[in-house]
Amino acid sequence: MPVTRGKKRPFICGHRGLGACCRRCLTADFKLQEAKITKDEKKAAALKEEAAALKKVPSKTVSLSM
């Protein structure tokens, strides 16, 4: 029996997924909130860097094969 999953659809943020909301952006928002609360500057900088990586929308890559 074939698997009948829904199609991935784009969210407002640009990511694609199956749910009602973008999990990557939610995770990034939680990391940014944690960075505001924490008092350790190195940990806050690492959390902000992870959040920025999660918010980044992957671009299409074009390969030029000859």
Protein backbone atom coordinates (compact mmCIF):
# COMPACT_ATOMS: atom_id res chain seq x y z
CA MET A 1 0.00 0.00 0.00
CA PRO A 2 1.53 3.37 -0.98
CA VAL A 3 2.23 6.03 1.58
CA THR A 4 -0.17 8.95 1.12
CA ARG A 5 1.45 11.92 2.75
CA GLY A 6 0.48 15.49 2.08
CA LYS A 7 2.58 17.73 -0.08
CA LYS A 8 5.03 20.08 1.53
CA ARG A 9 3.81 23.61 1.25
CA PRO A 10 5.65 26.88 1.79
CA PHE A 11 5.14 28.84 4.98
CA ILE A 12 5.15 32.63 5.22
CA CYS A 13 8.79 32.56 6.34
CA GLY A 14 9.90 30.73 3.19
CA HIS A 15 10.54 27.31 4.70
CA ARG A 16 8.57 24.31 3.43
CA GLY A 17 6.81 21.70 5.56
CA LEU A 18 3.74 19.65 6.33
CA GLY A 19 2.41 21.20 9.54
CA ALA A 20 0.36 24.25 10.34
CA CYS A 21 3.37 26.24 11.53
CA CYS A 22 7.09 26.29 10.79
CA ARG A 23 8.94 24.27 13.44
CA ARG A 24 12.33 25.70 12.48
CA CYS A 25 11.18 29.27 13.14
CA LEU A 26 9.50 28.27 16.42
CA THR A 27 12.73 26.64 17.60
CA ALA A 28 14.69 29.74 16.57
CA ASP A 29 12.29 31.99 18.50
CA PHE A 30 12.70 29.87 21.64
CA LYS A 31 16.49 30.05 21.30
CA LEU A 32 16.35 33.85 20.96
CA GLN A 33 14.17 34.10 24.09
CA GLU A 34 16.62 31.89 25.98
CA ALA A 35 19.50 34.09 24.79
CA LYS A 36 17.77 37.17 26.25
CA ILE A 37 17.27 35.44 29.61
CA THR A 38 20.73 33.90 30.02
CA LYS A 39 23.47 35.90 31.70
CA ASP A 40 26.38 34.05 30.09
CA GLU A 41 27.47 36.11 27.08
CA LYS A 42 29.17 33.21 25.27
CA LYS A 43 26.09 31.00 25.58
CA ALA A 44 23.85 33.86 24.45
CA ALA A 45 26.02 34.46 21.39
CA ALA A 46 25.94 30.74 20.53
CA LEU A 47 22.15 30.64 20.88
CA LYS A 48 21.77 33.70 18.64
CA GLU A 49 24.05 32.09 16.05
CA GLU A 50 22.01 28.86 16.09
CA ALA A 51 18.78 30.84 15.75
CA ALA A 52 20.15 32.73 12.76
CA ALA A 53 21.10 29.44 11.10
CA LEU A 54 17.59 28.07 11.68
CA LYS A 55 15.91 31.19 10.30
CA LYS A 56 17.95 31.05 7.10
CA VAL A 57 15.91 29.79 4.16
CA PRO A 58 17.85 27.36 1.97
CA SER A 59 18.25 28.62 -1.55
CA LYS A 60 18.05 26.52 -4.66
CA THR A 61 21.41 25.47 -6.02
CA VAL A 62 21.95 25.37 -9.73
CA SER A 63 24.51 22.93 -11.02
CA LEU A 64 26.19 23.63 -14.30
CA SER A 65 27.12 20.22 -15.62
CA MET A 66 28.46 19.88 -19.12
